[in-house]
C-alpha atoms as a PDB file:
ATOM      1  CA  MET A   1      40.874 160.721 -99.802  1.00  0.00           C
ATOM      2  CA  LYS A   2      38.857 157.616 -98.893  1.00  0.00           C
ATOM      3  CA  LYS A   3      35.118 158.116 -98.792  1.00  0.00           C
ATOM      4  CA  ILE A   4      33.005 156.673 -95.983  1.00  0.00           C
ATOM      5  CA  VAL A   5      29.219 156.672 -95.925  1.00  0.00           C
ATOM      6  CA  LEU A   6      27.979 157.092 -92.382  1.00  0.00           C
ATOM      7  CA  ALA A   7      24.642 155.323 -91.978  1.00  0.00           C
ATOM      8  CA  SER A   8      23.216 158.217 -89.980  1.00  0.00           C
ATOM      9  CA  ASN A   9      21.751 161.683 -90.319  1.00  0.00           C
ATOM     10  CA  ASN A  10      22.140 162.435 -86.592  1.00  0.00           C
ATOM     11  CA  LYS A  11      23.937 165.802 -86.597  1.00  0.00           C
ATOM     12  CA  HIS A  12      25.777 165.187 -83.275  1.00  0.00           C
ATOM     13  CA  LYS A  13      26.975 161.774 -84.432  1.00  0.00           C
ATOM     14  CA  VAL A  14      28.042 163.054 -87.872  1.00  0.00           C
ATOM     15  CA  LYS A  15      29.994 165.908 -86.248  1.00  0.00           C
ATOM     16  CA  GLU A  16      31.738 163.496 -83.856  1.00  0.00           C
ATOM     17  CA  PHE A  17      32.689 161.085 -86.664  1.00  0.00           C
ATOM     18  CA  LYS A  18      33.941 163.891 -88.922  1.00  0.00           C
ATOM     19  CA  GLU A  19      36.136 165.318 -86.125  1.00  0.00           C
ATOM     20  CA  ILE A  20      37.712 161.958 -85.356  1.00  0.00           C
ATOM     21  CA  LEU A  21      37.929 160.720 -88.980  1.00  0.00           C
ATOM     22  CA  SER A  22      39.489 163.885 -90.381  1.00  0.00           C
ATOM     23  CA  ASP A  23      41.625 161.863 -92.839  1.00  0.00           C
ATOM     24  CA  TYR A  24      38.483 160.607 -94.584  1.00  0.00           C
ATOM     25  CA  GLU A  25      35.650 162.210 -96.484  1.00  0.00           C
ATOM     26  CA  VAL A  26      32.592 161.353 -94.391  1.00  0.00           C
ATOM     27  CA  VAL A  27      29.226 161.599 -96.156  1.00  0.00           C
ATOM     28  CA  THR A  28      25.763 160.990 -94.707  1.00  0.00           C
ATOM     29  CA  MET A  29      22.709 159.045 -95.874  1.00  0.00           C
ATOM     30  CA  GLU A  30      21.232 162.379 -96.949  1.00  0.00           C
ATOM     31  CA  ASP A  31      24.337 163.078 -99.073  1.00  0.00           C
ATOM     32  CA  ILE A  32      23.831 159.820-101.012  1.00  0.00           C
ATOM     33  CA  GLY A  33      20.100 160.398-101.429  1.00  0.00           C
ATOM     34  CA  TYR A  34      18.866 157.813 -98.927  1.00  0.00           C
ATOM     35  CA  THR A  35      15.814 159.340 -97.258  1.00  0.00           C
ATOM     36  CA  GLU A  36      13.976 156.417 -95.661  1.00  0.00           C
ATOM     37  CA  GLU A  37      14.035 155.698 -91.940  1.00  0.00           C
ATOM     38  CA  ILE A  38      15.977 152.522 -91.125  1.00  0.00           C
ATOM     39  CA  GLU A  39      14.058 150.484 -88.575  1.00  0.00           C
ATOM     40  CA  GLU A  40      16.295 149.348 -85.731  1.00  0.00           C
ATOM     41  CA  THR A  41      14.748 146.011 -84.808  1.00  0.00           C
ATOM     42  CA  GLY A  42      17.831 144.414 -83.229  1.00  0.00           C
ATOM     43  CA  GLU A  43      17.999 143.397 -79.596  1.00  0.00           C
ATOM     44  CA  THR A  44      21.618 144.529 -79.234  1.00  0.00           C
ATOM     45  CA  PHE A  45      23.693 147.524 -80.309  1.00  0.00           C
ATOM     46  CA  ALA A  46      25.687 145.239 -82.625  1.00  0.00           C
ATOM     47  CA  GLU A  47      22.537 143.943 -84.356  1.00  0.00           C
ATOM     48  CA  ASN A  48      21.199 147.474 -84.899  1.00  0.00           C
ATOM     49  CA  ALA A  49      24.535 148.700 -86.288  1.00  0.00           C
ATOM     50  CA  LEU A  50      24.626 145.748 -88.691  1.00  0.00           C
ATOM     51  CA  ILE A  51      21.030 146.372 -89.847  1.00  0.00           C
ATOM     52  CA  LYS A  52      21.921 149.997 -90.687  1.00  0.00           C
ATOM     53  CA  ALA A  53      25.214 149.110 -92.405  1.00  0.00           C
ATOM     54  CA  GLU A  54      23.654 146.350 -94.494  1.00  0.00           C
ATOM     55  CA  THR A  55      20.733 148.539 -95.546  1.00  0.00           C
ATOM     56  CA  ILE A  56      23.020 151.305 -96.831  1.00  0.00           C
ATOM     57  CA  HIS A  57      25.442 148.780 -98.383  1.00  0.00           C
ATOM     58  CA  ASN A  58      22.574 147.241-100.398  1.00  0.00           C
ATOM     59  CA  TYR A  59      21.302 150.689-101.420  1.00  0.00           C
ATOM     60  CA  LEU A  60      24.771 151.682-102.700  1.00  0.00           C
ATOM     61  CA  LYS A  61      25.249 148.325-104.442  1.00  0.00           C
ATOM     62  CA  ASP A  62      21.939 148.803-106.313  1.00  0.00           C
ATOM     63  CA  LYS A  63      23.225 152.185-107.494  1.00  0.00           C
ATOM     64  CA  GLY A  64      26.580 150.719-108.530  1.00  0.00           C
ATOM     65  CA  LEU A  65      28.468 152.843-105.990  1.00  0.00           C
ATOM     66  CA  ASP A  66      31.594 151.617-104.216  1.00  0.00           C
ATOM     67  CA  TYR A  67      31.925 153.027-100.695  1.00  0.00           C
ATOM     68  CA  ILE A  68      32.864 151.777 -97.264  1.00  0.00           C
ATOM     69  CA  VAL A  69      29.774 151.982 -95.039  1.00  0.00           C
ATOM     70  CA  VAL A  70      30.090 152.741 -91.333  1.00  0.00           C
ATOM     71  CA  ALA A  71      27.151 152.356 -88.957  1.00  0.00           C
ATOM     72  CA  ASP A  72      26.949 152.559 -85.227  1.00  0.00           C
ATOM     73  CA  ASP A  73      24.484 152.062 -82.476  1.00  0.00           C
ATOM     74  CA  SER A  74      25.097 153.217 -78.976  1.00  0.00           C
ATOM     75  CA  GLY A  75      23.414 153.981 -75.727  1.00  0.00           C
ATOM     76  CA  LEU A  76      23.517 154.172 -71.982  1.00  0.00           C
ATOM     77  CA  CYS A  77      23.374 151.086 -69.765  1.00  0.00           C
ATOM     78  CA  CYS A  78      22.667 151.180 -66.037  1.00  0.00           C
ATOM     79  CA  GLU A  79      23.762 148.280 -63.847  1.00  0.00           C
ATOM     80  CA  ALA A  80      20.831 148.596 -61.418  1.00  0.00           C
ATOM     81  CA  LEU A  81      18.292 148.510 -64.279  1.00  0.00           C
ATOM     82  CA  ASP A  82      19.695 145.369 -65.959  1.00  0.00           C
ATOM     83  CA  GLY A  83      21.227 147.427 -68.751  1.00  0.00           C
ATOM     84  CA  GLU A  84      18.328 149.843 -69.347  1.00  0.00           C
ATOM     85  CA  PRO A  85      17.814 152.077 -71.248  1.00  0.00           C
ATOM     86  CA  GLY A  86      20.195 150.157 -73.568  1.00  0.00           C
ATOM     87  CA  VAL A  87      19.074 149.947 -77.206  1.00  0.00           C
ATOM     88  CA  TYR A  88      16.064 152.103 -76.261  1.00  0.00           C
ATOM     89  CA  SER A  89      18.227 155.007 -75.021  1.00  0.00           C
ATOM     90  CA  ALA A  90      16.967 157.497 -77.622  1.00  0.00           C
ATOM     91  CA  ARG A  91      13.314 156.508 -77.131  1.00  0.00           C
ATOM     92  CA  TYR A  92      13.331 155.434 -73.483  1.00  0.00           C
ATOM     93  CA  ALA A  93      10.345 157.587 -72.520  1.00  0.00           C
ATOM     94  CA  GLY A  94       8.428 156.679 -75.692  1.00  0.00           C
ATOM     95  CA  GLU A  95       9.105 159.519 -78.116  1.00  0.00           C
ATOM     96  CA  HIS A  96      12.362 159.257 -80.114  1.00  0.00           C
ATOM     97  CA  GLY A  97      14.855 161.986 -79.223  1.00  0.00           C
ATOM     98  CA  ASN A  98      12.961 163.564 -76.313  1.00  0.00           C
ATOM     99  CA  ASN A  99      16.092 163.995 -74.189  1.00  0.00           C
ATOM    100  CA  GLU A 100      14.350 165.718 -71.292  1.00  0.00           C
ATOM    101  CA  ALA A 101      11.671 163.018 -70.933  1.00  0.00           C
ATOM    102  CA  ASN A 102      14.279 160.254 -71.293  1.00  0.00           C
ATOM    103  CA  ARG A 103      16.419 161.740 -68.520  1.00  0.00           C
ATOM    104  CA  ALA A 104      13.401 162.254 -66.265  1.00  0.00           C
ATOM    105  CA  LYS A 105      12.296 158.615 -66.707  1.00  0.00           C
ATOM    106  CA  LEU A 106      15.822 157.353 -66.059  1.00  0.00           C
ATOM    107  CA  LEU A 107      16.222 159.424 -62.879  1.00  0.00           C
ATOM    108  CA  GLY A 108      12.822 158.195 -61.669  1.00  0.00           C
ATOM    109  CA  ASN A 109      13.755 154.554 -62.320  1.00  0.00           C
ATOM    110  CA  LEU A 110      17.112 154.989 -60.536  1.00  0.00           C
ATOM    111  CA  LYS A 111      15.628 156.516 -57.390  1.00  0.00           C
ATOM    112  CA  ASP A 112      17.325 154.884 -54.373  1.00  0.00           C
ATOM    113  CA  LYS A 113      19.349 152.566 -56.633  1.00  0.00           C
ATOM    114  CA  ASP A 114      23.013 152.182 -57.556  1.00  0.00           C
ATOM    115  CA  ARG A 115      24.004 154.837 -60.109  1.00  0.00           C
ATOM    116  CA  THR A 116      26.834 152.953 -61.859  1.00  0.00           C
ATOM    117  CA  ALA A 117      26.444 153.292 -65.628  1.00  0.00           C
ATOM    118  CA  TYR A 118      28.338 153.035 -68.872  1.00  0.00           C
ATOM    119  CA  PHE A 119      27.935 154.119 -72.459  1.00  0.00           C
ATOM    120  CA  VAL A 120      28.579 151.492 -75.111  1.00  0.00           C
ATOM    121  CA  CYS A 121      29.058 151.968 -78.853  1.00  0.00           C
ATOM    122  CA  ASN A 122      29.166 149.253 -81.487  1.00  0.00           C
ATOM    123  CA  ILE A 123      30.430 150.196 -84.943  1.00  0.00           C
ATOM    124  CA  VAL A 124      30.135 148.048 -88.044  1.00  0.00           C
ATOM    125  CA  VAL A 125      32.423 148.680 -91.018  1.00  0.00           C
ATOM    126  CA  TYR A 126      30.836 147.165 -94.123  1.00  0.00           C
ATOM    127  CA  TYR A 127      33.008 146.745 -97.196  1.00  0.00           C
ATOM    128  CA  ASN A 128      31.854 146.676-100.807  1.00  0.00           C
ATOM    129  CA  ASN A 129      32.484 142.906-101.042  1.00  0.00           C
ATOM    130  CA  GLY A 130      30.019 142.259 -98.191  1.00  0.00           C
ATOM    131  CA  GLU A 131      32.733 141.613 -95.610  1.00  0.00           C
ATOM    132  CA  HIS A 132      32.133 143.437 -92.323  1.00  0.00           C
ATOM    133  CA  LYS A 133      33.795 143.912 -88.965  1.00  0.00           C
ATOM    134  CA  LEU A 134      32.491 144.976 -85.551  1.00  0.00           C
ATOM    135  CA  PHE A 135      34.198 147.316 -83.086  1.00  0.00           C
ATOM    136  CA  GLU A 136      33.168 148.253 -79.554  1.00  0.00           C
ATOM    137  CA  GLY A 137      33.954 151.094 -77.202  1.00  0.00           C
ATOM    138  CA  ARG A 138      32.825 151.702 -73.614  1.00  0.00           C
ATOM    139  CA  THR A 139      33.175 154.457 -71.067  1.00  0.00           C
ATOM    140  CA  TYR A 140      32.195 154.268 -67.402  1.00  0.00           C
ATOM    141  CA  GLY A 141      30.695 156.669 -64.897  1.00  0.00           C
ATOM    142  CA  LYS A 142      27.624 157.268 -62.806  1.00  0.00           C
ATOM    143  CA  ILE A 143      24.293 159.014 -63.154  1.00  0.00           C
ATOM    144  CA  ILE A 144      23.861 162.175 -61.090  1.00  0.00           C
ATOM    145  CA  ASP A 145      20.618 163.962 -60.173  1.00  0.00           C
ATOM    146  CA  GLU A 146      21.486 167.479 -61.288  1.00  0.00           C
ATOM    147  CA  GLU A 147      21.931 168.402 -64.938  1.00  0.00           C
ATOM    148  CA  ARG A 148      25.360 169.956 -65.502  1.00  0.00           C
ATOM    149  CA  GLY A 149      26.605 171.487 -68.721  1.00  0.00           C
ATOM    150  CA  LYS A 150      24.954 171.283 -72.143  1.00  0.00           C
ATOM    151  CA  THR A 151      21.564 169.575 -72.005  1.00  0.00           C
ATOM    152  CA  ASP A 152      20.901 169.191 -75.728  1.00  0.00           C
ATOM    153  CA  PHE A 153      22.363 165.721 -76.268  1.00  0.00           C
ATOM    154  CA  GLY A 154      20.969 162.585 -74.651  1.00  0.00           C
ATOM    155  CA  TYR A 155      22.164 161.792 -71.157  1.00  0.00           C
ATOM    156  CA  ASP A 156      25.442 163.743 -71.360  1.00  0.00           C
ATOM    157  CA  CYS A 157      24.500 166.306 -68.701  1.00  0.00           C
ATOM    158  CA  ILE A 158      23.726 163.639 -66.058  1.00  0.00           C
ATOM    159  CA  PHE A 159      26.536 161.184 -66.905  1.00  0.00           C
ATOM    160  CA  LEU A 160      29.520 161.873 -64.634  1.00  0.00           C
ATOM    161  CA  SER A 161      32.571 160.399 -66.349  1.00  0.00           C
ATOM    162  CA  ASP A 162      34.917 158.399 -64.092  1.00  0.00           C
ATOM    163  CA  GLU A 163      37.904 159.566 -66.146  1.00  0.00           C
ATOM    164  CA  LEU A 164      37.033 163.232 -66.627  1.00  0.00           C
ATOM    165  CA  ASN A 165      35.421 163.749 -63.206  1.00  0.00           C
ATOM    166  CA  LYS A 166      32.843 165.963 -64.914  1.00  0.00           C
ATOM    167  CA  THR A 167      29.708 165.310 -66.921  1.00  0.00           C
ATOM    168  CA  PHE A 168      29.936 164.832 -70.682  1.00  0.00           C
ATOM    169  CA  GLY A 169      27.733 167.934 -70.850  1.00  0.00           C
ATOM    170  CA  GLU A 170      30.482 169.962 -69.124  1.00  0.00           C
ATOM    171  CA  ALA A 171      33.322 168.453 -71.159  1.00  0.00           C
ATOM    172  CA  SER A 172      34.771 170.052 -74.280  1.00  0.00           C
ATOM    173  CA  GLU A 173      34.386 168.107 -77.549  1.00  0.00           C
ATOM    174  CA  GLU A 174      38.083 167.147 -77.357  1.00  0.00           C
ATOM    175  CA  GLU A 175      37.777 165.916 -73.763  1.00  0.00           C
ATOM    176  CA  LYS A 176      34.652 163.918 -74.496  1.00  0.00           C
ATOM    177  CA  ASN A 177      36.065 162.396 -77.706  1.00  0.00           C
ATOM    178  CA  SER A 178      39.221 161.315 -75.857  1.00  0.00           C
ATOM    179  CA  VAL A 179      37.286 159.047 -73.451  1.00  0.00           C
ATOM    180  CA  SER A 180      33.877 158.517 -75.063  1.00  0.00           C
ATOM    181  CA  HIS A 181      32.467 155.149 -76.069  1.00  0.00           C
ATOM    182  CA  ARG A 182      32.143 156.328 -79.674  1.00  0.00           C
ATOM    183  CA  GLY A 183      35.645 157.822 -79.681  1.00  0.00           C
ATOM    184  CA  ARG A 184      37.075 154.509 -78.444  1.00  0.00           C
ATOM    185  CA  ALA A 185      35.140 152.404 -80.947  1.00  0.00           C
ATOM    186  CA  ILE A 186      36.218 154.770 -83.756  1.00  0.00           C
ATOM    187  CA  GLN A 187      39.878 154.500 -82.681  1.00  0.00           C
ATOM    188  CA  GLU A 188      39.596 150.694 -82.908  1.00  0.00           C
ATOM    189  CA  MET A 189      37.962 151.057 -86.317  1.00  0.00           C
ATOM    190  CA  VAL A 190      40.685 153.436 -87.558  1.00  0.00           C
ATOM    191  CA  LYS A 191      43.326 150.769 -86.845  1.00  0.00           C
ATOM    192  CA  GLU A 192      41.383 148.471 -89.173  1.00  0.00           C
ATOM    193  CA  LEU A 193      40.894 151.086 -91.907  1.00  0.00           C
END
């Protein structure tokens, strides 16, 4: 079984990748002993994914380990806000991972504006020889005012999927994975792998 190091310790992300990449052994940064925080200084999702992939690739190379590294960066983009929250999705209200505050800020900024939005995910696959490839997935919908479904993950409970006609918070894992930005980017990546 091929081993992939996922440049993330985000439990939701790891779970999603493991479900979709069931033919691979997916290990995390924690599993390989990488404990530092990787600073995401890129201005785009692609740049941030590459920063993470390269960092873990170099760490593994220094240890003489031969793995494929997979890194992603993703977020929510709103048309009326010129793509905000974008790369700042997880820290939109200031504090990283404060989902409630992020949603509240977004809803405030969208007051009386168009609610069209999309999630985008960029994935970088970084090979041992330094070669890397980029994959992208998107899913479209709109932002609603009431939280529906599970509220523990990002903007899922206020993102009404065009395809599912329900929020990602209301969708089952299988439903969400079938249309999600990450699911789509992973499917593109799987063709490559």
